[in-house]
Amino acid sequence: MRASSRLLKKLDNVLSGYDSFGEDPKALVDEVLAEVQKPLEKLLSKSKPELMTEIYVERDRAVLKQEILNRVMAS
């Protein structure tokens, strides 16, 4: 498994452990980052652009999902 895939999988696992993110989900960023520190360090130690491409795609997917869910909630 690629370093980027391991990071994304670990991130998904950590986030799935939360039943709620409270009123300010961004307040949990440091806590979640601490949980994914090991795979993050491994990813950052690699200098392969294709690994970061997977991260960019996942980020863009999350942005699209957020916008769609915001529109659903506004309906």
Foldseek 3Di string as FASTA:
>chain_A
DDLLVVLVVQLVVVVVVDPDCPPDVVVCVVVSCVSSVVSVVVLVVDDDVVSVVVVVVVVVVVVVVVVVVVVVVVD
